[in-house]
Amino acid sequence: MEKMFQIVSRSKKNTIEISNEANIGIFIKDADRLLQLNLVELSVYDLQLINSLKPYVERNVVEVVAAFYHAIESVPALREVIQSHSSSERLRQTLRHHIIEMFEGRIDEAFLEKRRRVAKMHVKINLYPKWYLAAFQILEKSLRKIIFELHLSKGEEEKLCDAISKICNFEQQIVLEEYDNYANTLIEEQRNNVREHVKDVIGGISTHLEVQSQNTSDTVTELVNSAQKVNDSLKDSIHEAESMQKVSSEGYAKIVSINEQTGKIHHKTYEMASMVEQLDESSSKINAVVEMVKSISGQTNLLALNSAIEAARAGEHGNGFAVVANEVRKLADQTKSSVEQIAELIQMSNGITAQVVQAIQDIQELVNNSIERNAESLKAFDAISTSVEDSITNFQNVGKQISDLANIIETIGASSEELERVANRLNTTIREF
């Protein structure tokens, strides 16, 4: 690189004329800033020294900026920052104005504001403090070189270098402080944005949870009430089924008893039928005896008639025998009359016996039909009893399942209430967030 500065004379030491212009000085009232200036011992005299270098800096500012960006662009990360957010020429022009303003020798609010803007720009383009400090060191080195090229006395060089160091240090303090402040502001804004976003998202979720929890709680309450009603209805049904089973059992027992009695009646009718048959047989035998007696009576009557005839033939000797024969004939007639009456009675008895037999047969048929119907009724009652028992068992199982379901629903309800409490706490936390 060509030599940067023009030297007035190499045979003797040059001198710098101190400027006493009224616009040079410290024109701020902020206590912290004044304390910073005091700590680095930057005085009005230092500002006068700095201002005296302004012509030399203006004369060599292009070379200073070129050296600055030559070093900056050798770092890939910094070169990428420059290319992403601006152009090298534009930044060079901005830096030239910035450097010249440093040598105005005037520290006022405008000076501070320009440095704050630089810091904010560094934050926006992600130029981290380490790169800013390194770059500023290059700039300070170039400014010192201007001083050394002036061939001043050792004392003047030291004063000027000291003044340059102080103004660079103060500027770095301002920029880094504002860098931190602005970065913190951006971080706080981002934090607030994130916080608001989190509040919006979680708040929406929390509100949704709260609404859903309330809806779930209401639904669970309705389900519990419905389950309780169903359970109560089942209990009533079980009670009615048990009553029906009891009635069915009693009816079954009565039918069994009736069936037993009917069986006995059936047995007795068979016995009666047997007795009537025996009576009919006895009547037949009596009738046979009556016929035989009628026959004997007829024969006796015939014999009495024959005896009367013989007695008539005998005359007086046969009178006694005729009387006997007459009595025998009367007895035979009376016997015949009695036997005929007995025969009529037997005939009437046979008619009644026939009616009794028919009635017994009708009763037996009715009893048989009754036994068959009783058997069918027993089967029906047995089926009803079995069905009722199965229904009771099913009702009891369903009742248990509904009770289990009610317990589960109550557990869900408790969880829903807990979820609602959590949602409320979450809402409270979000409001305090």
Protein backbone atom coordinates (compact mmCIF):
# COMPACT_ATOMS: atom_id res chain seq x y z
CA MET A 1 0.00 0.00 0.00
CA GLU A 2 1.23 3.52 -0.79
CA LYS A 3 2.26 5.84 2.02
CA MET A 4 -0.85 7.31 3.61
CA PHE A 5 0.20 10.75 4.83
CA GLN A 6 2.03 13.79 3.50
CA ILE A 7 4.91 14.94 5.72
CA VAL A 8 5.60 18.69 5.76
CA SER A 9 9.28 18.47 6.76
CA ARG A 10 11.63 15.69 7.86
CA SER A 11 14.46 17.96 9.05
CA LYS A 12 12.64 19.45 12.01
CA LYS A 13 9.78 18.64 14.36
CA ASN A 14 6.31 19.91 13.42
CA THR A 15 3.88 21.47 15.87
CA ILE A 16 0.09 21.37 16.21
CA GLU A 17 -1.82 24.57 16.71
CA ILE A 18 -4.42 24.28 19.46
CA SER A 19 -7.91 25.51 18.52
CA ASN A 20 -9.79 27.78 20.95
CA GLU A 21 -13.10 27.90 19.07
CA ALA A 22 -16.19 28.47 21.24
CA ASN A 23 -18.06 25.47 19.83
CA ILE A 24 -15.40 23.09 21.17
CA GLY A 25 -16.16 21.57 24.56
CA ILE A 26 -18.53 19.46 26.65
CA PHE A 27 -22.18 20.51 26.31
CA ILE A 28 -24.06 17.82 28.22
CA LYS A 29 -25.58 17.84 31.70
CA ASP A 30 -26.29 14.17 32.27
CA ALA A 31 -24.56 13.22 35.52
CA ASP A 32 -23.71 9.69 34.40
CA ARG A 33 -22.16 10.92 31.15
CA LEU A 34 -20.14 13.55 32.98
CA LEU A 35 -18.97 10.87 35.40
CA GLN A 36 -17.88 8.71 32.47
CA LEU A 37 -15.91 11.62 30.99
CA ASN A 38 -14.36 12.26 34.37
CA LEU A 39 -13.32 8.62 34.77
CA VAL A 40 -11.51 8.54 31.40
CA GLU A 41 -10.18 12.09 32.13
CA LEU A 42 -11.49 13.44 28.84
CA SER A 43 -11.32 17.23 29.19
CA VAL A 44 -12.00 20.28 27.04
CA TYR A 45 -8.25 20.51 26.43
CA ASP A 46 -8.31 16.97 25.04
CA LEU A 47 -11.17 17.98 22.75
CA GLN A 48 -9.12 20.98 21.57
CA LEU A 49 -6.22 18.66 20.80
CA ILE A 50 -8.56 16.32 18.93
CA ASN A 51 -10.05 19.21 16.94
CA SER A 52 -6.54 20.35 15.97
CA LEU A 53 -6.07 16.99 14.20
CA LYS A 54 -9.24 17.39 12.13
CA PRO A 55 -7.52 18.82 9.00
CA TYR A 56 -5.05 15.94 8.92
CA VAL A 57 -7.79 13.40 9.45
CA GLU A 58 -9.92 14.92 6.67
CA ARG A 59 -6.92 14.79 4.38
CA ASN A 60 -6.31 11.06 5.07
CA VAL A 61 -9.82 9.82 5.90
CA VAL A 62 -10.18 7.89 2.62
CA GLU A 63 -7.02 5.91 3.37
CA VAL A 64 -8.13 5.37 7.00
CA VAL A 65 -11.51 4.01 5.87
CA ALA A 66 -9.86 1.85 3.19
CA ALA A 67 -7.51 0.31 5.76
CA PHE A 68 -10.47 -0.20 8.11
CA TYR A 69 -12.60 -2.07 5.53
CA HIS A 70 -9.63 -4.02 4.21
CA ALA A 71 -9.29 -5.53 7.68
CA ILE A 72 -13.07 -5.91 8.19
CA GLU A 73 -13.73 -7.66 4.87
CA SER A 74 -10.98 -10.17 5.57
CA VAL A 75 -13.33 -11.70 8.16
CA PRO A 76 -15.99 -13.83 6.34
CA ALA A 77 -18.63 -13.27 9.02
CA LEU A 78 -18.25 -9.47 8.84
CA ARG A 79 -18.16 -9.48 5.05
CA GLU A 80 -21.42 -11.44 5.04
CA VAL A 81 -22.98 -8.90 7.44
CA ILE A 82 -21.98 -6.02 5.13
CA GLN A 83 -23.28 -7.75 2.01
CA SER A 84 -26.55 -8.73 3.69
CA HIS A 85 -27.52 -5.30 5.02
CA SER A 86 -25.82 -2.64 2.87
CA SER A 87 -23.05 -1.99 0.38
CA SER A 88 -19.38 -1.45 1.03
CA GLU A 89 -19.34 1.96 -0.66
CA ARG A 90 -22.29 3.24 1.31
CA LEU A 91 -20.75 2.10 4.58
CA ARG A 92 -17.41 3.68 3.64
CA GLN A 93 -19.11 7.04 3.08
CA THR A 94 -20.96 6.80 6.40
CA LEU A 95 -17.76 5.91 8.24
CA ARG A 96 -15.91 8.88 6.67
CA HIS A 97 -18.52 11.31 8.05
CA HIS A 98 -18.49 9.55 11.40
CA ILE A 99 -14.71 9.77 11.77
CA ILE A 100 -14.60 13.46 10.83
CA GLU A 101 -17.39 14.22 13.33
CA MET A 102 -15.27 12.62 16.07
CA PHE A 103 -12.75 15.41 15.54
CA GLU A 104 -15.25 18.26 15.82
CA GLY A 105 -14.16 18.53 19.45
CA ARG A 106 -17.75 18.92 20.59
CA ILE A 107 -19.57 16.48 22.88
CA ASP A 108 -23.26 17.29 23.00
CA GLU A 109 -26.58 15.48 22.76
CA ALA A 110 -26.28 15.27 18.96
CA PHE A 111 -22.89 13.57 19.36
CA LEU A 112 -24.40 11.07 21.80
CA GLU A 113 -27.49 10.47 19.64
CA LYS A 114 -25.39 9.66 16.56
CA ARG A 115 -23.44 7.09 18.59
CA ARG A 116 -26.70 5.59 19.87
CA ARG A 117 -27.93 5.25 16.30
CA VAL A 118 -24.71 3.45 15.38
CA ALA A 119 -25.24 1.04 18.27
CA LYS A 120 -28.85 0.35 17.23
CA MET A 121 -27.73 -0.32 13.68
CA HIS A 122 -25.11 -2.77 14.97
CA VAL A 123 -27.83 -4.64 16.85
CA LYS A 124 -30.11 -4.75 13.80
CA ILE A 125 -27.41 -6.14 11.51
CA ASN A 126 -26.09 -8.54 14.18
CA LEU A 127 -22.67 -6.92 14.38
CA TYR A 128 -21.63 -8.26 17.75
CA PRO A 129 -19.62 -6.15 20.23
CA LYS A 130 -16.49 -8.26 19.75
CA TRP A 131 -16.36 -7.29 16.06
CA TYR A 132 -17.15 -3.65 16.86
CA LEU A 133 -14.31 -3.46 19.42
CA ALA A 134 -11.88 -5.17 17.05
CA ALA A 135 -12.86 -2.83 14.21
CA PHE A 136 -12.57 0.23 16.46
CA GLN A 137 -9.09 -0.88 17.48
CA ILE A 138 -8.13 -0.87 13.80
CA LEU A 139 -9.58 2.65 13.47
CA GLU A 140 -7.71 3.89 16.55
CA LYS A 141 -4.50 2.37 15.22
CA SER A 142 -4.94 4.24 11.90
CA LEU A 143 -5.57 7.53 13.76
CA ARG A 144 -2.43 7.05 15.84
CA LYS A 145 -0.50 6.48 12.65
CA ILE A 146 -1.66 9.89 11.40
CA ILE A 147 -0.20 11.41 14.56
CA PHE A 148 3.08 9.57 14.18
CA GLU A 149 3.40 10.68 10.56
CA LEU A 150 3.19 14.32 11.66
CA HIS A 151 6.62 14.05 13.32
CA LEU A 152 5.60 15.95 16.41
CA SER A 153 7.52 16.10 19.60
CA LYS A 154 7.30 13.13 21.88
CA GLY A 155 5.22 15.08 24.36
CA GLU A 156 2.74 16.28 21.73
CA GLU A 157 2.46 12.78 20.27
CA GLU A 158 1.67 11.40 23.71
CA LYS A 159 -0.94 14.10 24.39
CA LEU A 160 -2.61 13.57 21.02
CA CYS A 161 -2.53 9.77 21.31
CA ASP A 162 -3.88 10.05 24.83
CA ALA A 163 -6.70 12.34 23.65
CA ILE A 164 -7.49 9.96 20.74
CA SER A 165 -7.55 7.03 23.18
CA LYS A 166 -9.93 8.91 25.51
CA ILE A 167 -12.39 9.94 22.78
CA CYS A 168 -12.34 6.42 21.30
CA ASN A 169 -12.88 4.93 24.76
CA PHE A 170 -15.78 7.29 25.48
CA GLU A 171 -17.36 6.54 22.12
CA GLN A 172 -16.99 2.81 22.75
CA GLN A 173 -18.65 3.24 26.14
CA ILE A 174 -21.58 5.08 24.56
CA VAL A 175 -21.97 2.59 21.73
CA LEU A 176 -21.61 -0.50 23.93
CA GLU A 177 -23.94 0.91 26.57
CA GLU A 178 -26.53 1.78 23.96
CA TYR A 179 -25.88 -1.59 22.33
CA ASP A 180 -26.75 -3.28 25.61
CA ASN A 181 -29.73 -1.00 26.21
CA TYR A 182 -31.11 -1.42 22.73
CA ALA A 183 -30.39 -5.13 22.71
CA ASN A 184 -32.11 -5.44 26.07
CA THR A 185 -35.01 -3.39 24.72
CA LEU A 186 -35.30 -5.70 21.73
CA ILE A 187 -34.97 -8.72 23.97
CA GLU A 188 -37.62 -7.28 26.28
CA GLU A 189 -39.84 -6.56 23.29
CA GLN A 190 -39.32 -10.09 22.04
CA ARG A 191 -39.92 -11.37 25.54
CA ASN A 192 -43.09 -9.31 25.76
CA ASN A 193 -44.15 -10.50 22.32
CA VAL A 194 -43.44 -14.08 23.33
CA ARG A 195 -45.18 -13.47 26.65
CA GLU A 196 -48.21 -12.00 24.91
CA HIS A 197 -48.18 -14.79 22.37
CA VAL A 198 -47.88 -17.35 25.15
CA LYS A 199 -50.63 -15.58 27.07
CA ASP A 200 -52.83 -15.54 23.96
CA VAL A 201 -52.15 -19.17 23.07
CA ILE A 202 -52.18 -20.60 26.58
CA GLY A 203 -54.97 -18.22 27.57
CA GLY A 204 -57.03 -19.49 24.66
CA ILE A 205 -56.18 -23.06 25.57
CA SER A 206 -56.93 -22.37 29.22
CA THR A 207 -60.24 -20.72 28.37
CA HIS A 208 -61.06 -23.60 26.06
CA LEU A 209 -60.08 -26.04 28.80
CA GLU A 210 -62.20 -24.17 31.30
CA VAL A 211 -65.21 -24.17 28.97
CA GLN A 212 -64.66 -27.79 28.05
CA SER A 213 -64.21 -28.68 31.72
CA GLN A 214 -67.44 -26.91 32.60
CA ASN A 215 -69.25 -28.58 29.72
CA THR A 216 -67.75 -31.93 30.70
CA SER A 217 -68.71 -31.33 34.31
CA ASP A 218 -72.29 -30.51 33.29
CA THR A 219 -72.42 -33.53 31.00
CA VAL A 220 -70.98 -35.75 33.71
CA THR A 221 -73.58 -34.45 36.16
CA GLU A 222 -76.33 -35.24 33.66
CA LEU A 223 -74.83 -38.68 33.03
CA VAL A 224 -74.58 -39.39 36.75
CA ASN A 225 -78.19 -38.30 37.25
CA SER A 226 -79.32 -40.37 34.26
CA ALA A 227 -77.33 -43.36 35.48
CA GLN A 228 -78.85 -42.94 38.93
CA LYS A 229 -82.35 -42.81 37.41
CA VAL A 230 -81.65 -45.90 35.31
CA ASN A 231 -80.21 -47.63 38.36
CA ASP A 232 -83.31 -46.73 40.38
CA SER A 233 -85.53 -47.99 37.55
CA LEU A 234 -83.52 -51.21 37.45
CA LYS A 235 -83.94 -51.63 41.19
CA ASP A 236 -87.69 -51.14 40.78
CA SER A 237 -87.68 -53.63 37.89
CA ILE A 238 -85.70 -56.11 39.98
CA HIS A 239 -88.15 -55.63 42.85
CA GLU A 240 -91.11 -56.16 40.51
CA ALA A 241 -89.42 -59.17 38.93
CA GLU A 242 -88.75 -60.63 42.36
CA SER A 243 -92.41 -60.05 43.26
CA MET A 244 -93.41 -61.67 39.97
CA GLN A 245 -91.08 -64.55 40.71
CA LYS A 246 -92.67 -64.94 44.13
CA VAL A 247 -96.18 -64.89 42.63
CA SER A 248 -95.03 -67.27 39.92
CA SER A 249 -93.56 -69.62 42.51
CA GLU A 250 -96.77 -69.48 44.53
CA GLY A 251 -98.84 -70.09 41.38
CA TYR A 252 -96.55 -72.94 40.43
CA ALA A 253 -96.99 -74.47 43.89
CA LYS A 254 -100.76 -74.08 43.68
CA ILE A 255 -100.87 -75.68 40.23
CA VAL A 256 -98.70 -78.52 41.53
CA SER A 257 -101.15 -78.92 44.44
CA ILE A 258 -104.14 -78.75 42.08
CA ASN A 259 -102.45 -81.25 39.81
CA GLU A 260 -101.94 -83.57 42.74
CA GLN A 261 -105.60 -83.17 43.79
CA THR A 262 -106.70 -83.69 40.19
CA GLY A 263 -104.60 -86.83 40.08
CA LYS A 264 -106.30 -88.06 43.20
CA ILE A 265 -109.72 -87.21 41.72
CA HIS A 266 -108.71 -89.02 38.56
CA HIS A 267 -107.73 -92.04 40.62
CA LYS A 268 -111.00 -91.90 42.60
CA THR A 269 -113.06 -91.68 39.40
CA TYR A 270 -111.36 -94.80 38.14
CA GLU A 271 -112.20 -96.48 41.44
CA MET A 272 -115.80 -95.27 41.16
CA ALA A 273 -115.98 -96.50 37.58
CA SER A 274 -114.71 -99.86 38.74
CA MET A 275 -117.28 -99.95 41.52
CA VAL A 276 -120.08 -98.98 39.11
CA GLU A 277 -118.96 -101.75 36.77
CA GLN A 278 -119.07 -104.14 39.68
CA LEU A 279 -122.53 -102.78 40.57
CA ASP A 280 -123.60 -103.27 36.97
CA GLU A 281 -122.32 -106.83 37.07
CA SER A 282 -124.18 -107.37 40.37
CA SER A 283 -127.33 -105.92 38.81
CA SER A 284 -126.93 -108.29 35.89
CA LYS A 285 -126.55 -111.19 38.29
CA ILE A 286 -129.57 -110.03 40.31
CA ASN A 287 -131.49 -109.66 37.09
CA ALA A 288 -130.55 -113.23 36.22
CA VAL A 289 -131.70 -114.37 39.65
CA VAL A 290 -134.94 -112.40 39.18
CA GLU A 291 -135.52 -114.10 35.84
CA MET A 292 -134.85 -117.38 37.47
CA VAL A 293 -137.25 -116.51 40.32
CA LYS A 294 -139.85 -115.39 37.76
CA SER A 295 -139.38 -118.68 36.00
CA ILE A 296 -139.72 -120.56 39.26
CA SER A 297 -142.75 -118.42 40.15
CA GLY A 298 -144.30 -119.23 36.81
CA GLN A 299 -143.62 -122.90 37.26
CA THR A 300 -144.95 -122.70 40.82
CA ASN A 301 -148.08 -120.98 39.59
CA LEU A 302 -148.44 -123.66 36.95
CA LEU A 303 -147.97 -126.37 39.56
CA ALA A 304 -150.55 -124.63 41.80
CA LEU A 305 -152.94 -124.56 38.87
CA ASN A 306 -152.31 -128.22 38.20
CA SER A 307 -152.76 -128.94 41.91
CA ALA A 308 -156.09 -127.08 41.92
CA ILE A 309 -157.22 -129.10 38.95
CA GLU A 310 -156.20 -132.32 40.64
CA ALA A 311 -157.90 -131.19 43.87
CA ALA A 312 -161.08 -130.51 41.95
CA ARG A 313 -160.93 -133.96 40.54
CA ALA A 314 -160.43 -135.43 43.97
CA GLY A 315 -163.59 -133.84 45.26
CA GLU A 316 -163.99 -133.47 48.93
CA HIS A 317 -160.74 -135.31 49.54
CA GLY A 318 -158.88 -132.70 47.63
CA ASN A 319 -160.30 -129.64 49.42
CA GLY A 320 -157.39 -129.28 51.79
CA PHE A 321 -154.93 -129.70 49.03
CA ALA A 322 -156.87 -127.17 46.93
CA VAL A 323 -156.57 -124.64 49.72
CA VAL A 324 -152.83 -125.22 49.84
CA ALA A 325 -152.60 -125.04 46.09
CA ASN A 326 -154.52 -121.79 46.15
CA GLU A 327 -152.18 -120.34 48.74
CA VAL A 328 -149.20 -121.51 46.74
CA ARG A 329 -150.68 -119.86 43.67
CA LYS A 330 -151.20 -116.61 45.59
CA LEU A 331 -147.62 -116.77 46.87
CA ALA A 332 -146.41 -117.43 43.36
CA ASP A 333 -148.40 -114.49 42.06
CA GLN A 334 -147.14 -112.28 44.86
CA THR A 335 -143.57 -113.47 44.24
CA LYS A 336 -143.99 -112.77 40.55
CA SER A 337 -145.32 -109.30 41.32
CA SER A 338 -142.43 -108.58 43.72
CA VAL A 339 -139.89 -109.92 41.29
CA GLU A 340 -141.33 -107.77 38.53
CA GLN A 341 -141.06 -104.73 40.82
CA ILE A 342 -137.47 -105.75 41.61
CA ALA A 343 -136.82 -106.09 37.89
CA GLU A 344 -138.22 -102.62 37.30
CA LEU A 345 -136.03 -101.26 40.10
CA ILE A 346 -133.01 -103.06 38.63
CA GLN A 347 -133.90 -101.63 35.23
CA MET A 348 -134.08 -98.14 36.73
CA SER A 349 -130.81 -98.82 38.59
CA ASN A 350 -129.20 -99.93 35.34
CA GLY A 351 -130.31 -96.67 33.68
CA ILE A 352 -128.95 -94.61 36.55
CA THR A 353 -125.77 -96.70 36.55
CA ALA A 354 -125.37 -96.03 32.84
CA GLN A 355 -125.80 -92.32 33.49
CA VAL A 356 -123.27 -92.51 36.35
CA VAL A 357 -120.84 -94.35 34.10
CA GLN A 358 -121.29 -91.69 31.42
CA ALA A 359 -120.86 -88.94 34.00
CA ILE A 360 -117.72 -90.62 35.37
CA GLN A 361 -116.36 -90.95 31.84
CA ASP A 362 -117.07 -87.27 31.24
CA ILE A 363 -115.39 -86.42 34.55
CA GLN A 364 -112.39 -88.59 33.62
CA GLU A 365 -112.11 -86.82 30.28
CA LEU A 366 -112.32 -83.43 32.01
CA VAL A 367 -109.77 -84.57 34.58
CA ASN A 368 -107.46 -85.80 31.81
CA ASN A 369 -107.80 -82.50 29.99
CA SER A 370 -107.22 -80.67 33.27
CA ILE A 371 -104.12 -82.75 33.95
CA GLU A 372 -102.79 -81.98 30.46
CA ARG A 373 -103.50 -78.25 30.88
CA ASN A 374 -101.98 -78.34 34.34
CA ALA A 375 -98.88 -79.97 32.89
CA GLU A 376 -98.71 -77.26 30.23
CA SER A 377 -99.29 -74.60 32.90
CA LEU A 378 -96.53 -76.12 35.00
CA LYS A 379 -94.19 -75.94 32.01
CA ALA A 380 -95.27 -72.34 31.33
CA PHE A 381 -94.84 -71.35 34.98
CA ASP A 382 -91.48 -73.11 35.05
CA ALA A 383 -90.42 -71.22 31.91
CA ILE A 384 -91.75 -67.96 33.39
CA SER A 385 -89.91 -68.62 36.65
CA THR A 386 -86.70 -69.40 34.77
CA SER A 387 -87.14 -66.30 32.58
CA VAL A 388 -87.81 -64.14 35.63
CA GLU A 389 -84.72 -65.53 37.37
CA ASP A 390 -82.66 -64.84 34.24
CA SER A 391 -84.16 -61.33 34.04
CA ILE A 392 -83.33 -60.69 37.69
CA THR A 393 -79.77 -61.89 37.08
CA ASN A 394 -79.49 -59.70 33.98
CA PHE A 395 -80.98 -56.73 35.82
CA GLN A 396 -78.51 -57.25 38.64
CA ASN A 397 -75.61 -57.48 36.16
CA VAL A 398 -76.80 -54.38 34.32
CA GLY A 399 -77.27 -52.64 37.66
CA LYS A 400 -73.70 -53.49 38.62
CA GLN A 401 -72.43 -52.28 35.24
CA ILE A 402 -74.39 -49.05 35.61
CA SER A 403 -73.01 -48.62 39.13
CA ASP A 404 -69.51 -49.17 37.77
CA LEU A 405 -70.27 -46.73 34.95
CA ALA A 406 -71.58 -44.20 37.46
CA ASN A 407 -68.36 -44.58 39.47
CA ILE A 408 -66.31 -44.07 36.31
CA ILE A 409 -68.41 -41.03 35.38
CA GLU A 410 -67.96 -39.63 38.88
CA THR A 411 -64.20 -40.19 38.53
CA ILE A 412 -64.30 -38.36 35.19
CA GLY A 413 -66.30 -35.63 36.87
CA ALA A 414 -63.69 -35.33 39.63
CA SER A 415 -60.94 -35.20 36.98
CA SER A 416 -62.93 -32.59 35.08
CA GLU A 417 -63.29 -30.51 38.23
CA GLU A 418 -59.57 -30.83 38.86
CA LEU A 419 -58.92 -29.82 35.23
CA GLU A 420 -61.17 -26.80 35.72
CA ARG A 421 -59.22 -25.84 38.86
CA VAL A 422 -55.95 -26.23 36.94
CA ALA A 423 -57.37 -24.09 34.11
CA ASN A 424 -58.36 -21.42 36.65
CA ARG A 425 -54.88 -21.49 38.18
CA LEU A 426 -53.42 -21.33 34.68
CA ASN A 427 -55.58 -18.29 33.90
CA THR A 428 -54.42 -16.66 37.12
CA THR A 429 -50.79 -17.45 36.27
CA ILE A 430 -51.23 -16.06 32.76
CA ARG A 431 -52.70 -12.83 34.14
CA GLU A 432 -49.68 -12.54 36.42
CA PHE A 433 -47.28 -13.55 33.60
